[in-house]
Amino acid sequence: MNPLEAIGIAEGFIEAGSEEKYIEAWQYLLDTSLVWSLQGWFGRTAVSMIEAGQIIVKEVGEDEPAQVIL
């Protein structure tokens, strides 16, 4: 997964092909913190998906980008 593919799947201009791939794209955007620097819709959708348990905020390690803790 790369940023363009993840954004495309999230926005719908790239077909995910499965629910798992759609979730994977959102998890990638969250894991890389990219979701917080895109349009507000991305962040709001990510928060909804976190609250629903569809994507997970991972623990921050030394080699990982910082995550926004909700």
PDB file of N, CA and C in Angstrom:
ATOM      1  N   MET A   1       0.860  -1.168   0.000  1.00  0.00           N
ATOM      2  CA  MET A   1       0.000   0.000   0.000  1.00  0.00           C
ATOM      3  C   MET A   1       0.903   1.227   0.000  1.00  0.00           C
ATOM      4  N   ASN A   2       0.499   2.224  -0.751  1.00  0.00           N
ATOM      5  CA  ASN A   2       1.207   3.500  -0.760  1.00  0.00           C
ATOM      6  C   ASN A   2       0.185   4.617  -0.554  1.00  0.00           C
ATOM      7  N   PRO A   3       0.640   5.848  -0.301  1.00  0.00           N
ATOM      8  CA  PRO A   3      -0.319   6.924  -0.009  1.00  0.00           C
ATOM      9  C   PRO A   3      -1.372   7.141  -1.096  1.00  0.00           C
ATOM     10  N   LEU A   4      -0.971   7.166  -2.356  1.00  0.00           N
ATOM     11  CA  LEU A   4      -1.939   7.407  -3.428  1.00  0.00           C
ATOM     12  C   LEU A   4      -2.989   6.303  -3.484  1.00  0.00           C
ATOM     13  N   GLU A   5      -2.557   5.054  -3.364  1.00  0.00           N
ATOM     14  CA  GLU A   5      -3.503   3.941  -3.392  1.00  0.00           C
ATOM     15  C   GLU A   5      -4.467   4.009  -2.205  1.00  0.00           C
ATOM     16  N   ALA A   6      -3.944   4.286  -1.011  1.00  0.00           N
ATOM     17  CA  ALA A   6      -4.797   4.352   0.182  1.00  0.00           C
ATOM     18  C   ALA A   6      -5.814   5.482   0.065  1.00  0.00           C
ATOM     19  N   ILE A   7      -5.371   6.643  -0.393  1.00  0.00           N
ATOM     20  CA  ILE A   7      -6.290   7.777  -0.564  1.00  0.00           C
ATOM     21  C   ILE A   7      -7.332   7.450  -1.626  1.00  0.00           C
ATOM     22  N   GLY A   8      -6.885   6.865  -2.726  1.00  0.00           N
ATOM     23  CA  GLY A   8      -7.809   6.508  -3.804  1.00  0.00           C
ATOM     24  C   GLY A   8      -8.876   5.533  -3.359  1.00  0.00           C
ATOM     25  N   ILE A   9      -8.483   4.540  -2.588  1.00  0.00           N
ATOM     26  CA  ILE A   9      -9.452   3.569  -2.067  1.00  0.00           C
ATOM     27  C   ILE A   9     -10.404   4.253  -1.093  1.00  0.00           C
ATOM     28  N   ALA A  10      -9.870   5.081  -0.200  1.00  0.00           N
ATOM     29  CA  ALA A  10     -10.709   5.777   0.786  1.00  0.00           C
ATOM     30  C   ALA A  10     -11.719   6.690   0.098  1.00  0.00           C
ATOM     31  N   GLU A  11     -11.285   7.400  -0.954  1.00  0.00           N
ATOM     32  CA  GLU A  11     -12.178   8.320  -1.661  1.00  0.00           C
ATOM     33  C   GLU A  11     -13.076   7.615  -2.671  1.00  0.00           C
ATOM     34  N   GLY A  12     -12.674   6.419  -3.091  1.00  0.00           N
ATOM     35  CA  GLY A  12     -13.506   5.655  -4.010  1.00  0.00           C
ATOM     36  C   GLY A  12     -13.112   5.745  -5.472  1.00  0.00           C
ATOM     37  N   PHE A  13     -12.026   6.451  -5.812  1.00  0.00           N
ATOM     38  CA  PHE A  13     -11.635   6.503  -7.211  1.00  0.00           C
ATOM     39  C   PHE A  13     -10.710   5.341  -7.601  1.00  0.00           C
ATOM     40  N   ILE A  14     -10.301   4.546  -6.610  1.00  0.00           N
ATOM     41  CA  ILE A  14      -9.643   3.265  -6.851  1.00  0.00           C
ATOM     42  C   ILE A  14     -10.515   2.216  -6.169  1.00  0.00           C
ATOM     43  N   GLU A  15     -10.896   1.197  -6.926  1.00  0.00           N
ATOM     44  CA  GLU A  15     -11.762   0.160  -6.367  1.00  0.00           C
ATOM     45  C   GLU A  15     -10.993  -0.701  -5.366  1.00  0.00           C
ATOM     46  N   ALA A  16     -11.563  -0.858  -4.186  1.00  0.00           N
ATOM     47  CA  ALA A  16     -10.929  -1.663  -3.141  1.00  0.00           C
ATOM     48  C   ALA A  16     -10.996  -3.147  -3.476  1.00  0.00           C
ATOM     49  N   GLY A  17     -12.101  -3.578  -4.018  1.00  0.00           N
ATOM     50  CA  GLY A  17     -12.262  -4.988  -4.350  1.00  0.00           C
ATOM     51  C   GLY A  17     -12.797  -5.825  -3.209  1.00  0.00           C
ATOM     52  N   SER A  18     -12.575  -5.371  -1.968  1.00  0.00           N
ATOM     53  CA  SER A  18     -13.094  -6.095  -0.806  1.00  0.00           C
ATOM     54  C   SER A  18     -13.152  -5.151   0.390  1.00  0.00           C
ATOM     55  N   GLU A  19     -13.947  -5.525   1.360  1.00  0.00           N
ATOM     56  CA  GLU A  19     -14.047  -4.743   2.593  1.00  0.00           C
ATOM     57  C   GLU A  19     -12.704  -4.744   3.328  1.00  0.00           C
ATOM     58  N   GLU A  20     -11.988  -5.864   3.270  1.00  0.00           N
ATOM     59  CA  GLU A  20     -10.690  -5.964   3.942  1.00  0.00           C
ATOM     60  C   GLU A  20      -9.685  -4.970   3.364  1.00  0.00           C
ATOM     61  N   LYS A  21      -9.685  -4.819   2.043  1.00  0.00           N
ATOM     62  CA  LYS A  21      -8.767  -3.880   1.386  1.00  0.00           C
ATOM     63  C   LYS A  21      -9.137  -2.441   1.742  1.00  0.00           C
ATOM     64  N   TYR A  22     -10.434  -2.156   1.849  1.00  0.00           N
ATOM     65  CA  TYR A  22     -10.907  -0.823   2.240  1.00  0.00           C
ATOM     66  C   TYR A  22     -10.418  -0.490   3.650  1.00  0.00           C
ATOM     67  N   ILE A  23     -10.588  -1.429   4.569  1.00  0.00           N
ATOM     68  CA  ILE A  23     -10.129  -1.242   5.949  1.00  0.00           C
ATOM     69  C   ILE A  23      -8.609  -1.109   5.982  1.00  0.00           C
ATOM     70  N   GLU A  24      -7.912  -1.909   5.195  1.00  0.00           N
ATOM     71  CA  GLU A  24      -6.446  -1.844   5.130  1.00  0.00           C
ATOM     72  C   GLU A  24      -5.983  -0.448   4.693  1.00  0.00           C
ATOM     73  N   ALA A  25      -6.692   0.137   3.735  1.00  0.00           N
ATOM     74  CA  ALA A  25      -6.339   1.479   3.262  1.00  0.00           C
ATOM     75  C   ALA A  25      -6.489   2.505   4.384  1.00  0.00           C
ATOM     76  N   TRP A  26      -7.591   2.442   5.117  1.00  0.00           N
ATOM     77  CA  TRP A  26      -7.801   3.367   6.229  1.00  0.00           C
ATOM     78  C   TRP A  26      -6.792   3.129   7.342  1.00  0.00           C
ATOM     79  N   GLN A  27      -6.463   1.871   7.616  1.00  0.00           N
ATOM     80  CA  GLN A  27      -5.470   1.569   8.646  1.00  0.00           C
ATOM     81  C   GLN A  27      -4.106   2.133   8.236  1.00  0.00           C
ATOM     82  N   TYR A  28      -3.775   2.036   6.962  1.00  0.00           N
ATOM     83  CA  TYR A  28      -2.520   2.603   6.457  1.00  0.00           C
ATOM     84  C   TYR A  28      -2.499   4.122   6.672  1.00  0.00           C
ATOM     85  N   LEU A  29      -3.590   4.786   6.326  1.00  0.00           N
ATOM     86  CA  LEU A  29      -3.651   6.240   6.505  1.00  0.00           C
ATOM     87  C   LEU A  29      -3.492   6.617   7.972  1.00  0.00           C
ATOM     88  N   LEU A  30      -4.064   5.835   8.863  1.00  0.00           N
ATOM     89  CA  LEU A  30      -3.929   6.091  10.294  1.00  0.00           C
ATOM     90  C   LEU A  30      -2.511   5.786  10.777  1.00  0.00           C
ATOM     91  N   ASP A  31      -1.975   4.641  10.388  1.00  0.00           N
ATOM     92  CA  ASP A  31      -0.641   4.223  10.840  1.00  0.00           C
ATOM     93  C   ASP A  31       0.445   5.207  10.424  1.00  0.00           C
ATOM     94  N   THR A  32       0.280   5.817   9.264  1.00  0.00           N
ATOM     95  CA  THR A  32       1.276   6.763   8.763  1.00  0.00           C
ATOM     96  C   THR A  32       0.983   8.204   9.203  1.00  0.00           C
ATOM     97  N   SER A  33      -0.124   8.401   9.913  1.00  0.00           N
ATOM     98  CA  SER A  33      -0.597   9.722  10.352  1.00  0.00           C
ATOM     99  C   SER A  33      -1.012  10.620   9.190  1.00  0.00           C
ATOM    100  N   LEU A  34      -1.018  10.094   7.985  1.00  0.00           N
ATOM    101  CA  LEU A  34      -1.422  10.873   6.817  1.00  0.00           C
ATOM    102  C   LEU A  34      -2.871  11.337   6.932  1.00  0.00           C
ATOM    103  N   VAL A  35      -3.697  10.536   7.566  1.00  0.00           N
ATOM    104  CA  VAL A  35      -5.116  10.851   7.689  1.00  0.00           C
ATOM    105  C   VAL A  35      -5.348  12.215   8.342  1.00  0.00           C
ATOM    106  N   TRP A  36      -4.448  12.640   9.235  1.00  0.00           N
ATOM    107  CA  TRP A  36      -4.623  13.901   9.957  1.00  0.00           C
ATOM    108  C   TRP A  36      -4.185  15.116   9.146  1.00  0.00           C
ATOM    109  N   SER A  37      -3.505  14.907   8.018  1.00  0.00           N
ATOM    110  CA  SER A  37      -3.053  16.039   7.208  1.00  0.00           C
ATOM    111  C   SER A  37      -3.855  16.196   5.918  1.00  0.00           C
ATOM    112  N   LEU A  38      -4.851  15.347   5.733  1.00  0.00           N
ATOM    113  CA  LEU A  38      -5.728  15.441   4.570  1.00  0.00           C
ATOM    114  C   LEU A  38      -6.957  16.282   4.923  1.00  0.00           C
ATOM    115  N   GLN A  39      -7.891  16.377   3.991  1.00  0.00           N
ATOM    116  CA  GLN A  39      -9.127  17.120   4.234  1.00  0.00           C
ATOM    117  C   GLN A  39      -9.819  16.598   5.486  1.00  0.00           C
ATOM    118  N   GLY A  40     -10.591  17.448   6.132  1.00  0.00           N
ATOM    119  CA  GLY A  40     -11.254  17.115   7.381  1.00  0.00           C
ATOM    120  C   GLY A  40     -12.104  15.857   7.341  1.00  0.00           C
ATOM    121  N   TRP A  41     -12.689  15.577   6.194  1.00  0.00           N
ATOM    122  CA  TRP A  41     -13.518  14.379   6.039  1.00  0.00           C
ATOM    123  C   TRP A  41     -12.738  13.119   6.387  1.00  0.00           C
ATOM    124  N   PHE A  42     -11.459  13.067   6.003  1.00  0.00           N
ATOM    125  CA  PHE A  42     -10.640  11.895   6.298  1.00  0.00           C
ATOM    126  C   PHE A  42     -10.507  11.691   7.807  1.00  0.00           C
ATOM    127  N   GLY A  43     -10.177  12.754   8.516  1.00  0.00           N
ATOM    128  CA  GLY A  43     -10.026  12.651   9.965  1.00  0.00           C
ATOM    129  C   GLY A  43     -11.325  12.260  10.653  1.00  0.00           C
ATOM    130  N   ARG A  44     -12.424  12.872  10.238  1.00  0.00           N
ATOM    131  CA  ARG A  44     -13.722  12.546  10.848  1.00  0.00           C
ATOM    132  C   ARG A  44     -14.108  11.100  10.580  1.00  0.00           C
ATOM    133  N   THR A  45     -13.858  10.638   9.366  1.00  0.00           N
ATOM    134  CA  THR A  45     -14.164   9.245   9.038  1.00  0.00           C
ATOM    135  C   THR A  45     -13.278   8.303   9.837  1.00  0.00           C
ATOM    136  N   ALA A  46     -11.995   8.640   9.957  1.00  0.00           N
ATOM    137  CA  ALA A  46     -11.077   7.803  10.741  1.00  0.00           C
ATOM    138  C   ALA A  46     -11.528   7.713  12.193  1.00  0.00           C
ATOM    139  N   VAL A  47     -11.943   8.814  12.780  1.00  0.00           N
ATOM    140  CA  VAL A  47     -12.413   8.806  14.172  1.00  0.00           C
ATOM    141  C   VAL A  47     -13.628   7.894  14.297  1.00  0.00           C
ATOM    142  N   SER A  48     -14.555   7.984  13.352  1.00  0.00           N
ATOM    143  CA  SER A  48     -15.739   7.116  13.375  1.00  0.00           C
ATOM    144  C   SER A  48     -15.343   5.647  13.268  1.00  0.00           C
ATOM    145  N   MET A  49     -14.363   5.357  12.412  1.00  0.00           N
ATOM    146  CA  MET A  49     -13.923   3.973  12.237  1.00  0.00           C
ATOM    147  C   MET A  49     -13.182   3.468  13.480  1.00  0.00           C
ATOM    148  N   ILE A  50     -12.425   4.336  14.139  1.00  0.00           N
ATOM    149  CA  ILE A  50     -11.752   3.977  15.389  1.00  0.00           C
ATOM    150  C   ILE A  50     -12.792   3.651  16.451  1.00  0.00           C
ATOM    151  N   GLU A  51     -13.778   4.519  16.595  1.00  0.00           N
ATOM    152  CA  GLU A  51     -14.831   4.309  17.594  1.00  0.00           C
ATOM    153  C   GLU A  51     -15.625   3.036  17.331  1.00  0.00           C
ATOM    154  N   ALA A  52     -15.764   2.669  16.055  1.00  0.00           N
ATOM    155  CA  ALA A  52     -16.499   1.456  15.687  1.00  0.00           C
ATOM    156  C   ALA A  52     -15.624   0.202  15.777  1.00  0.00           C
ATOM    157  N   GLY A  53     -14.341   0.386  16.043  1.00  0.00           N
ATOM    158  CA  GLY A  53     -13.434  -0.751  16.144  1.00  0.00           C
ATOM    159  C   GLY A  53     -12.968  -1.305  14.810  1.00  0.00           C
ATOM    160  N   GLN A  54     -13.186  -0.559  13.732  1.00  0.00           N
ATOM    161  CA  GLN A  54     -12.787  -1.029  12.407  1.00  0.00           C
ATOM    162  C   GLN A  54     -11.291  -0.844  12.151  1.00  0.00           C
ATOM    163  N   ILE A  55     -10.733   0.242  12.693  1.00  0.00           N
ATOM    164  CA  ILE A  55      -9.291   0.466  12.620  1.00  0.00           C
ATOM    165  C   ILE A  55      -8.800   0.742  14.031  1.00  0.00           C
ATOM    166  N   ILE A  56      -7.506   0.526  14.260  1.00  0.00           N
ATOM    167  CA  ILE A  56      -6.961   0.550  15.614  1.00  0.00           C
ATOM    168  C   ILE A  56      -5.806   1.540  15.711  1.00  0.00           C
ATOM    169  N   VAL A  57      -5.839   2.367  16.749  1.00  0.00           N
ATOM    170  CA  VAL A  57      -4.718   3.252  17.050  1.00  0.00           C
ATOM    171  C   VAL A  57      -3.665   2.389  17.731  1.00  0.00           C
ATOM    172  N   LYS A  58      -2.510   2.266  17.107  1.00  0.00           N
ATOM    173  CA  LYS A  58      -1.458   1.405  17.629  1.00  0.00           C
ATOM    174  C   LYS A  58      -0.583   2.169  18.613  1.00  0.00           C
ATOM    175  N   GLU A  59       0.083   1.429  19.493  1.00  0.00           N
ATOM    176  CA  GLU A  59       1.022   2.025  20.433  1.00  0.00           C
ATOM    177  C   GLU A  59       2.173   2.649  19.659  1.00  0.00           C
ATOM    178  N   VAL A  60       2.676   3.764  20.149  1.00  0.00           N
ATOM    179  CA  VAL A  60       3.779   4.447  19.495  1.00  0.00           C
ATOM    180  C   VAL A  60       5.087   3.852  19.979  1.00  0.00           C
ATOM    181  N   GLY A  61       5.902   3.415  19.048  1.00  0.00           N
ATOM    182  CA  GLY A  61       7.227   2.898  19.358  1.00  0.00           C
ATOM    183  C   GLY A  61       8.287   3.859  18.848  1.00  0.00           C
ATOM    184  N   GLU A  62       9.519   3.562  19.114  1.00  0.00           N
ATOM    185  CA  GLU A  62      10.603   4.443  18.710  1.00  0.00           C
ATOM    186  C   GLU A  62      10.697   4.595  17.197  1.00  0.00           C
ATOM    187  N   ASP A  63      10.389   3.554  16.450  1.00  0.00           N
ATOM    188  CA  ASP A  63      10.528   3.591  15.000  1.00  0.00           C
ATOM    189  C   ASP A  63       9.221   3.862  14.276  1.00  0.00           C
ATOM    190  N   GLU A  64       8.184   4.269  14.998  1.00  0.00           N
ATOM    191  CA  GLU A  64       6.893   4.501  14.395  1.00  0.00           C
ATOM    192  C   GLU A  64       6.546   5.991  14.428  1.00  0.00           C
ATOM    193  N   PRO A  65       5.757   6.464  13.458  1.00  0.00           N
ATOM    194  CA  PRO A  65       5.316   7.854  13.519  1.00  0.00           C
ATOM    195  C   PRO A  65       4.360   8.052  14.699  1.00  0.00           C
ATOM    196  N   ALA A  66       4.315   9.255  15.226  1.00  0.00           N
ATOM    197  CA  ALA A  66       3.431   9.554  16.342  1.00  0.00           C
ATOM    198  C   ALA A  66       1.984   9.473  15.884  1.00  0.00           C
ATOM    199  N   GLN A  67       1.115   9.028  16.767  1.00  0.00           N
ATOM    200  CA  GLN A  67      -0.316   8.933  16.483  1.00  0.00           C
ATOM    201  C   GLN A  67      -1.058   9.926  17.354  1.00  0.00           C
ATOM    202  N   VAL A  68      -2.170  10.378  16.866  1.00  0.00           N
ATOM    203  CA  VAL A  68      -3.042  11.227  17.674  1.00  0.00           C
ATOM    204  C   VAL A  68      -3.844  10.312  18.575  1.00  0.00           C
ATOM    205  N   ILE A  69      -3.772  10.549  19.870  1.00  0.00           N
ATOM    206  CA  ILE A  69      -4.507   9.741  20.834  1.00  0.00           C
ATOM    207  C   ILE A  69      -5.867  10.386  21.063  1.00  0.00           C
ATOM    208  N   LEU A  70      -6.912   9.617  20.838  1.00  0.00           N
ATOM    209  CA  LEU A  70      -8.276  10.140  20.996  1.00  0.00           C
ATOM    210  C   LEU A  70      -8.797   9.900  22.374  1.00  0.00           C
TER     211      LEU A  70
END
